[in-house]
Amino acid sequence: MRYIVLLTLLLIGVCVLVSGCMQPPAATVAPAPASPTSPPAPTTVDSAAKQINFTVWKAEHDVVMRYDGGRDAAELSMLKVQIDNRDGKIVKTPIYNPEIGKQYEFPYVGIVNPNTINVVGVFNDGTEQTVFLKYF
């Protein structure tokens, strides 16, 4: 009977050691001294970025885009419009000499299903830049 009690106590002791309850506590690490923080870097705006404004909406049988002008409207010579549809079809349309305030319609036969419209502006200095991108 003594052997059974001793064997049981020994078995419990081994289980405690294996489970990690008898291990010493983990060493604590002292926090590093606070380093002086540098002031945030100034935010700069890319002066080469062109600014053109549009209003785009989906109508019953077409997508309508209105060119609203913008800071760099005088330098704009052309627009490259690309509409990616949900069915995988892509419609690309150039608009030469766009007029401020004019609406451009992109008609659909059947269901109007645009996914995105991406408008790239071509400027007099030869630069091309995405000036409008919309997800429907």
C-alpha atoms as a PDB file:
ATOM      1  CA  MET A   1       0.000   0.000   0.000  1.00  0.00           C
ATOM      2  CA  ARG A   2       2.891   2.327   0.792  1.00  0.00           C
ATOM      3  CA  TYR A   3       4.347   1.686  -2.607  1.00  0.00           C
ATOM      4  CA  ILE A   4       1.119   2.692  -4.267  1.00  0.00           C
ATOM      5  CA  VAL A   5       0.980   5.968  -2.312  1.00  0.00           C
ATOM      6  CA  LEU A   6       4.662   6.688  -3.025  1.00  0.00           C
ATOM      7  CA  LEU A   7       4.234   5.764  -6.658  1.00  0.00           C
ATOM      8  CA  THR A   8       1.166   8.038  -6.918  1.00  0.00           C
ATOM      9  CA  LEU A   9       3.009  10.964  -5.297  1.00  0.00           C
ATOM     10  CA  LEU A  10       5.979  10.407  -7.561  1.00  0.00           C
ATOM     11  CA  LEU A  11       3.690  10.312 -10.610  1.00  0.00           C
ATOM     12  CA  ILE A  12       2.002  13.574  -9.527  1.00  0.00           C
ATOM     13  CA  GLY A  13       5.415  15.215  -9.020  1.00  0.00           C
ATOM     14  CA  VAL A  14       6.547  14.188 -12.493  1.00  0.00           C
ATOM     15  CA  CYS A  15       3.321  15.560 -14.017  1.00  0.00           C
ATOM     16  CA  VAL A  16       3.840  18.903 -12.240  1.00  0.00           C
ATOM     17  CA  LEU A  17       7.426  19.142 -13.514  1.00  0.00           C
ATOM     18  CA  VAL A  18       6.443  18.257 -17.057  1.00  0.00           C
ATOM     19  CA  SER A  19       3.598  20.772 -17.101  1.00  0.00           C
ATOM     20  CA  GLY A  20       5.987  23.622 -16.314  1.00  0.00           C
ATOM     21  CA  CYS A  21       4.458  24.732 -13.034  1.00  0.00           C
ATOM     22  CA  MET A  22       7.745  24.329 -11.237  1.00  0.00           C
ATOM     23  CA  GLN A  23       9.830  26.404 -13.665  1.00  0.00           C
ATOM     24  CA  PRO A  24      11.250  29.724 -12.475  1.00  0.00           C
ATOM     25  CA  PRO A  25       9.396  32.860 -13.604  1.00  0.00           C
ATOM     26  CA  ALA A  26      10.469  34.433 -16.860  1.00  0.00           C
ATOM     27  CA  ALA A  27      13.005  37.218 -16.554  1.00  0.00           C
ATOM     28  CA  THR A  28      11.536  40.675 -16.901  1.00  0.00           C
ATOM     29  CA  VAL A  29      13.087  43.077 -19.343  1.00  0.00           C
ATOM     30  CA  ALA A  30      13.498  46.656 -18.264  1.00  0.00           C
ATOM     31  CA  PRO A  31      11.893  49.111 -20.685  1.00  0.00           C
ATOM     32  CA  ALA A  32      14.276  50.974 -22.945  1.00  0.00           C
ATOM     33  CA  PRO A  33      14.785  54.608 -22.101  1.00  0.00           C
ATOM     34  CA  ALA A  34      12.507  56.905 -24.058  1.00  0.00           C
ATOM     35  CA  SER A  35      14.234  58.327 -27.084  1.00  0.00           C
ATOM     36  CA  PRO A  36      13.517  61.866 -28.153  1.00  0.00           C
ATOM     37  CA  THR A  37      10.995  61.979 -30.955  1.00  0.00           C
ATOM     38  CA  SER A  38      11.670  63.982 -34.050  1.00  0.00           C
ATOM     39  CA  PRO A  39       9.004  66.326 -35.365  1.00  0.00           C
ATOM     40  CA  PRO A  40       6.929  64.943 -38.225  1.00  0.00           C
ATOM     41  CA  ALA A  41       8.233  65.622 -41.694  1.00  0.00           C
ATOM     42  CA  PRO A  42       6.362  68.338 -43.555  1.00  0.00           C
ATOM     43  CA  THR A  43       3.799  67.122 -46.046  1.00  0.00           C
ATOM     44  CA  THR A  44       4.495  68.195 -49.576  1.00  0.00           C
ATOM     45  CA  VAL A  45       2.089  68.267 -52.466  1.00  0.00           C
ATOM     46  CA  ASP A  46       3.324  67.180 -55.875  1.00  0.00           C
ATOM     47  CA  SER A  47       3.199  70.406 -57.836  1.00  0.00           C
ATOM     48  CA  ALA A  48       3.272  68.423 -61.080  1.00  0.00           C
ATOM     49  CA  ALA A  49      -0.066  66.718 -60.292  1.00  0.00           C
ATOM     50  CA  LYS A  50      -2.818  68.068 -62.520  1.00  0.00           C
ATOM     51  CA  GLN A  51      -6.275  68.841 -61.175  1.00  0.00           C
ATOM     52  CA  ILE A  52      -9.345  68.343 -63.361  1.00  0.00           C
ATOM     53  CA  ASN A  53     -12.909  67.886 -62.054  1.00  0.00           C
ATOM     54  CA  PHE A  54     -15.649  65.547 -63.276  1.00  0.00           C
ATOM     55  CA  THR A  55     -19.085  64.407 -62.248  1.00  0.00           C
ATOM     56  CA  VAL A  56     -19.998  60.883 -63.382  1.00  0.00           C
ATOM     57  CA  TRP A  57     -23.199  58.933 -62.903  1.00  0.00           C
ATOM     58  CA  LYS A  58     -24.991  55.885 -64.208  1.00  0.00           C
ATOM     59  CA  ALA A  59     -28.304  56.602 -65.940  1.00  0.00           C
ATOM     60  CA  GLU A  60     -30.996  54.226 -67.184  1.00  0.00           C
ATOM     61  CA  HIS A  61     -29.364  53.462 -70.555  1.00  0.00           C
ATOM     62  CA  ASP A  62     -25.901  55.041 -70.339  1.00  0.00           C
ATOM     63  CA  VAL A  63     -23.043  56.357 -68.258  1.00  0.00           C
ATOM     64  CA  VAL A  64     -22.847  60.151 -68.210  1.00  0.00           C
ATOM     65  CA  MET A  65     -19.690  62.166 -67.557  1.00  0.00           C
ATOM     66  CA  ARG A  66     -19.717  65.943 -67.122  1.00  0.00           C
ATOM     67  CA  TYR A  67     -16.424  67.804 -67.410  1.00  0.00           C
ATOM     68  CA  ASP A  68     -16.464  70.497 -64.703  1.00  0.00           C
ATOM     69  CA  GLY A  69     -13.123  72.214 -65.414  1.00  0.00           C
ATOM     70  CA  GLY A  70     -10.487  72.545 -62.705  1.00  0.00           C
ATOM     71  CA  ARG A  71      -7.196  74.266 -61.915  1.00  0.00           C
ATOM     72  CA  ASP A  72      -5.426  72.841 -64.977  1.00  0.00           C
ATOM     73  CA  ALA A  73      -8.353  72.972 -67.424  1.00  0.00           C
ATOM     74  CA  ALA A  74      -6.570  75.447 -69.711  1.00  0.00           C
ATOM     75  CA  GLU A  75      -3.745  72.939 -70.275  1.00  0.00           C
ATOM     76  CA  LEU A  76      -5.995  69.941 -71.069  1.00  0.00           C
ATOM     77  CA  SER A  77      -5.998  68.867 -74.716  1.00  0.00           C
ATOM     78  CA  MET A  78      -7.595  65.411 -74.663  1.00  0.00           C
ATOM     79  CA  LEU A  79      -9.288  62.824 -72.444  1.00  0.00           C
ATOM     80  CA  LYS A  80      -8.847  59.068 -72.731  1.00  0.00           C
ATOM     81  CA  VAL A  81     -11.928  57.469 -71.191  1.00  0.00           C
ATOM     82  CA  GLN A  82     -12.014  53.764 -70.388  1.00  0.00           C
ATOM     83  CA  ILE A  83     -15.061  52.021 -68.935  1.00  0.00           C
ATOM     84  CA  ASP A  84     -14.541  48.483 -67.657  1.00  0.00           C
ATOM     85  CA  ASN A  85     -17.823  46.575 -67.477  1.00  0.00           C
ATOM     86  CA  ARG A  86     -18.762  43.753 -65.141  1.00  0.00           C
ATOM     87  CA  ASP A  87     -19.156  41.379 -68.091  1.00  0.00           C
ATOM     88  CA  GLY A  88     -15.490  41.910 -69.050  1.00  0.00           C
ATOM     89  CA  LYS A  89     -16.084  44.266 -71.987  1.00  0.00           C
ATOM     90  CA  ILE A  90     -13.926  47.368 -72.130  1.00  0.00           C
ATOM     91  CA  VAL A  91     -15.022  50.588 -73.832  1.00  0.00           C
ATOM     92  CA  LYS A  92     -12.286  53.070 -74.758  1.00  0.00           C
ATOM     93  CA  THR A  93     -13.215  56.508 -76.073  1.00  0.00           C
ATOM     94  CA  PRO A  94     -10.971  59.507 -76.784  1.00  0.00           C
ATOM     95  CA  ILE A  95     -12.431  62.986 -76.327  1.00  0.00           C
ATOM     96  CA  TYR A  96     -10.507  65.670 -78.184  1.00  0.00           C
ATOM     97  CA  ASN A  97     -10.633  69.284 -76.950  1.00  0.00           C
ATOM     98  CA  PRO A  98     -13.107  68.666 -74.089  1.00  0.00           C
ATOM     99  CA  GLU A  99     -15.426  71.552 -73.246  1.00  0.00           C
ATOM    100  CA  ILE A 100     -16.063  72.660 -69.653  1.00  0.00           C
ATOM    101  CA  GLY A 101     -19.648  71.998 -68.619  1.00  0.00           C
ATOM    102  CA  LYS A 102     -20.344  69.573 -71.458  1.00  0.00           C
ATOM    103  CA  GLN A 103     -21.863  66.158 -70.763  1.00  0.00           C
ATOM    104  CA  TYR A 104     -20.487  63.114 -72.557  1.00  0.00           C
ATOM    105  CA  GLU A 105     -22.738  60.073 -72.772  1.00  0.00           C
ATOM    106  CA  PHE A 106     -21.617  56.482 -73.192  1.00  0.00           C
ATOM    107  CA  PRO A 107     -24.740  54.562 -74.288  1.00  0.00           C
ATOM    108  CA  TYR A 108     -25.442  50.898 -73.582  1.00  0.00           C
ATOM    109  CA  VAL A 109     -27.567  48.411 -75.452  1.00  0.00           C
ATOM    110  CA  GLY A 110     -29.276  46.392 -72.756  1.00  0.00           C
ATOM    111  CA  ILE A 111     -28.181  46.496 -69.128  1.00  0.00           C
ATOM    112  CA  VAL A 112     -25.907  49.305 -67.961  1.00  0.00           C
ATOM    113  CA  ASN A 113     -23.194  47.388 -66.083  1.00  0.00           C
ATOM    114  CA  PRO A 114     -20.069  49.525 -65.567  1.00  0.00           C
ATOM    115  CA  ASN A 115     -17.561  48.465 -62.958  1.00  0.00           C
ATOM    116  CA  THR A 116     -15.087  51.357 -63.246  1.00  0.00           C
ATOM    117  CA  ILE A 117     -14.503  54.474 -65.284  1.00  0.00           C
ATOM    118  CA  ASN A 118     -10.935  55.719 -65.632  1.00  0.00           C
ATOM    119  CA  VAL A 119     -10.251  59.102 -67.229  1.00  0.00           C
ATOM    120  CA  VAL A 120      -6.711  59.959 -68.296  1.00  0.00           C
ATOM    121  CA  GLY A 121      -5.994  63.569 -69.135  1.00  0.00           C
ATOM    122  CA  VAL A 122      -3.506  64.447 -71.864  1.00  0.00           C
ATOM    123  CA  PHE A 123      -2.040  67.910 -71.357  1.00  0.00           C
ATOM    124  CA  ASN A 124      -0.348  70.414 -73.683  1.00  0.00           C
ATOM    125  CA  ASP A 125       3.076  69.714 -72.163  1.00  0.00           C
ATOM    126  CA  GLY A 126       2.761  66.023 -73.151  1.00  0.00           C
ATOM    127  CA  THR A 127       2.036  64.649 -69.693  1.00  0.00           C
ATOM    128  CA  GLU A 128      -0.665  62.046 -69.190  1.00  0.00           C
ATOM    129  CA  GLN A 129      -2.264  61.511 -65.818  1.00  0.00           C
ATOM    130  CA  THR A 130      -5.283  59.701 -64.428  1.00  0.00           C
ATOM    131  CA  VAL A 131      -7.505  62.604 -63.453  1.00  0.00           C
ATOM    132  CA  PHE A 132     -10.618  60.626 -62.452  1.00  0.00           C
ATOM    133  CA  LEU A 133     -11.333  57.048 -61.342  1.00  0.00           C
ATOM    134  CA  LYS A 134     -14.682  55.809 -60.072  1.00  0.00           C
ATOM    135  CA  TYR A 135     -15.929  52.414 -58.963  1.00  0.00           C
ATOM    136  CA  PHE A 136     -19.668  51.908 -59.510  1.00  0.00           C
END
